[in-house]
Amino acid sequence: MERDERKRQSDREALLALAVYVLYFAWWYVFGYGVGNGAPEDYDYVFGFPAWFFYSCVAGYPLVTILLWVFVRFFFRDIPLDDEGTDDREGEDRP
């Protein structure tokens, strides 16, 4: 794998991870401040939690975790980080 290709792949992976976390922050913000905006007496509850808390914190985290797993499984690649062909002497002590 060429150095250019490794950099391109690592940049792509970093942008994908950043995009997922921006999506997670948007999800959290919309549910946390959008649904939670109002009087506490008017809140809807899901499993004993206010709906805004449940959707922003309890449901959002596993959703993003699964999304990240899918990206790592299907879009990330295992790439060598060392330079190929440099100092490949086996059995010798290296400083």
C-alpha atoms as a PDB file:
ATOM      1  CA  MET A   1       0.000   0.000   0.000  1.00  0.00           C
ATOM      2  CA  GLU A   2       1.457   3.347  -0.985  1.00  0.00           C
ATOM      3  CA  ARG A   3       1.949   6.163   1.516  1.00  0.00           C
ATOM      4  CA  ASP A   4      -0.559   8.362  -0.368  1.00  0.00           C
ATOM      5  CA  GLU A   5      -3.183   5.645  -0.226  1.00  0.00           C
ATOM      6  CA  ARG A   6      -2.630   5.144   3.516  1.00  0.00           C
ATOM      7  CA  LYS A   7      -3.036   8.861   4.169  1.00  0.00           C
ATOM      8  CA  ARG A   8      -6.163   9.013   2.030  1.00  0.00           C
ATOM      9  CA  GLN A   9      -7.648   6.019   3.875  1.00  0.00           C
ATOM     10  CA  SER A  10      -6.809   7.395   7.323  1.00  0.00           C
ATOM     11  CA  ASP A  11      -8.259  10.806   6.385  1.00  0.00           C
ATOM     12  CA  ARG A  12     -11.431   9.099   5.187  1.00  0.00           C
ATOM     13  CA  GLU A  13     -11.731   7.109   8.413  1.00  0.00           C
ATOM     14  CA  ALA A  14     -11.195  10.213  10.536  1.00  0.00           C
ATOM     15  CA  LEU A  15     -13.858  12.138   8.611  1.00  0.00           C
ATOM     16  CA  LEU A  16     -16.336   9.259   8.955  1.00  0.00           C
ATOM     17  CA  ALA A  17     -15.779   9.105  12.718  1.00  0.00           C
ATOM     18  CA  LEU A  18     -16.085  12.877  13.003  1.00  0.00           C
ATOM     19  CA  ALA A  19     -19.313  12.845  10.975  1.00  0.00           C
ATOM     20  CA  VAL A  20     -20.832  10.200  13.246  1.00  0.00           C
ATOM     21  CA  TYR A  21     -19.984  12.209  16.358  1.00  0.00           C
ATOM     22  CA  VAL A  22     -21.376  15.416  14.824  1.00  0.00           C
ATOM     23  CA  LEU A  23     -24.550  13.457  14.063  1.00  0.00           C
ATOM     24  CA  TYR A  24     -24.585  12.183  17.659  1.00  0.00           C
ATOM     25  CA  PHE A  25     -24.191  15.695  19.046  1.00  0.00           C
ATOM     26  CA  ALA A  26     -27.016  16.950  16.810  1.00  0.00           C
ATOM     27  CA  TRP A  27     -29.197  14.018  17.940  1.00  0.00           C
ATOM     28  CA  TRP A  28     -28.416  14.713  21.590  1.00  0.00           C
ATOM     29  CA  TYR A  29     -28.971  18.456  21.235  1.00  0.00           C
ATOM     30  CA  VAL A  30     -32.305  18.154  19.388  1.00  0.00           C
ATOM     31  CA  PHE A  31     -33.761  15.644  21.829  1.00  0.00           C
ATOM     32  CA  GLY A  32     -32.183  17.194  24.924  1.00  0.00           C
ATOM     33  CA  TYR A  33     -33.152  20.780  24.255  1.00  0.00           C
ATOM     34  CA  GLY A  34     -35.952  20.383  21.725  1.00  0.00           C
ATOM     35  CA  VAL A  35     -38.112  17.718  23.359  1.00  0.00           C
ATOM     36  CA  GLY A  36     -37.098  18.785  26.868  1.00  0.00           C
ATOM     37  CA  ASN A  37     -38.218  22.349  26.323  1.00  0.00           C
ATOM     38  CA  GLY A  38     -41.307  22.865  28.427  1.00  0.00           C
ATOM     39  CA  ALA A  39     -42.765  22.475  31.850  1.00  0.00           C
ATOM     40  CA  PRO A  40     -41.795  19.274  33.677  1.00  0.00           C
ATOM     41  CA  GLU A  41     -45.473  18.596  34.381  1.00  0.00           C
ATOM     42  CA  ASP A  42     -46.047  18.196  30.610  1.00  0.00           C
ATOM     43  CA  TYR A  43     -43.208  15.709  29.987  1.00  0.00           C
ATOM     44  CA  ASP A  44     -43.860  12.326  28.435  1.00  0.00           C
ATOM     45  CA  TYR A  45     -42.085   9.410  30.085  1.00  0.00           C
ATOM     46  CA  VAL A  46     -40.378   6.359  28.559  1.00  0.00           C
ATOM     47  CA  PHE A  47     -39.402   3.572  30.981  1.00  0.00           C
ATOM     48  CA  GLY A  48     -39.635   6.031  33.868  1.00  0.00           C
ATOM     49  CA  PHE A  49     -37.334   8.597  32.263  1.00  0.00           C
ATOM     50  CA  PRO A  50     -38.457  11.872  30.742  1.00  0.00           C
ATOM     51  CA  ALA A  51     -38.712  11.343  26.967  1.00  0.00           C
ATOM     52  CA  TRP A  52     -36.092  13.998  26.216  1.00  0.00           C
ATOM     53  CA  PHE A  53     -33.571  12.261  28.496  1.00  0.00           C
ATOM     54  CA  PHE A  54     -34.392   8.775  27.255  1.00  0.00           C
ATOM     55  CA  TYR A  55     -34.012   9.644  23.574  1.00  0.00           C
ATOM     56  CA  SER A  56     -30.996  11.915  23.948  1.00  0.00           C
ATOM     57  CA  CYS A  57     -28.930   9.904  26.466  1.00  0.00           C
ATOM     58  CA  VAL A  58     -30.271   6.366  26.829  1.00  0.00           C
ATOM     59  CA  ALA A  59     -31.288   5.590  23.217  1.00  0.00           C
ATOM     60  CA  GLY A  60     -28.764   7.814  21.450  1.00  0.00           C
ATOM     61  CA  TYR A  61     -25.619   6.230  22.842  1.00  0.00           C
ATOM     62  CA  PRO A  62     -26.368   2.624  21.770  1.00  0.00           C
ATOM     63  CA  LEU A  63     -27.538   3.882  18.379  1.00  0.00           C
ATOM     64  CA  VAL A  64     -24.258   5.723  17.782  1.00  0.00           C
ATOM     65  CA  THR A  65     -22.255   2.770  19.095  1.00  0.00           C
ATOM     66  CA  ILE A  66     -23.946   0.452  16.589  1.00  0.00           C
ATOM     67  CA  LEU A  67     -23.448   2.993  13.800  1.00  0.00           C
ATOM     68  CA  LEU A  68     -19.736   3.259  14.633  1.00  0.00           C
ATOM     69  CA  TRP A  69     -19.420  -0.533  14.686  1.00  0.00           C
ATOM     70  CA  VAL A  70     -20.980  -0.702  11.195  1.00  0.00           C
ATOM     71  CA  PHE A  71     -18.567   1.938   9.891  1.00  0.00           C
ATOM     72  CA  VAL A  72     -15.539   0.219  11.403  1.00  0.00           C
ATOM     73  CA  ARG A  73     -16.671  -3.178  10.131  1.00  0.00           C
ATOM     74  CA  PHE A  74     -17.429  -2.152   6.548  1.00  0.00           C
ATOM     75  CA  PHE A  75     -15.516   1.063   5.773  1.00  0.00           C
ATOM     76  CA  PHE A  76     -12.322   0.946   7.817  1.00  0.00           C
ATOM     77  CA  ARG A  77      -9.356  -1.075   6.610  1.00  0.00           C
ATOM     78  CA  ASP A  78      -6.370  -2.532   8.384  1.00  0.00           C
ATOM     79  CA  ILE A  79      -3.369  -0.669   6.987  1.00  0.00           C
ATOM     80  CA  PRO A  80       0.314  -1.069   7.856  1.00  0.00           C
ATOM     81  CA  LEU A  81       1.745   1.886   9.718  1.00  0.00           C
ATOM     82  CA  ASP A  82       5.419   1.126   9.139  1.00  0.00           C
ATOM     83  CA  ASP A  83       7.352   1.844   5.980  1.00  0.00           C
ATOM     84  CA  GLU A  84       7.607  -1.297   3.915  1.00  0.00           C
ATOM     85  CA  GLY A  85      11.085  -2.512   3.085  1.00  0.00           C
ATOM     86  CA  THR A  86      12.952  -0.403   5.619  1.00  0.00           C
ATOM     87  CA  ASP A  87      15.096  -2.173   8.181  1.00  0.00           C
ATOM     88  CA  ASP A  88      13.467  -5.572   7.805  1.00  0.00           C
ATOM     89  CA  ARG A  89      16.370  -7.491   9.289  1.00  0.00           C
ATOM     90  CA  GLU A  90      15.041 -10.359  11.340  1.00  0.00           C
ATOM     91  CA  GLY A  91      16.983 -11.740  14.254  1.00  0.00           C
ATOM     92  CA  GLU A  92      19.175  -8.700  14.754  1.00  0.00           C
ATOM     93  CA  ASP A  93      19.043  -6.515  17.821  1.00  0.00           C
ATOM     94  CA  ARG A  94      17.771  -3.074  17.035  1.00  0.00           C
ATOM     95  CA  PRO A  95      18.559  -0.052  19.190  1.00  0.00           C
END
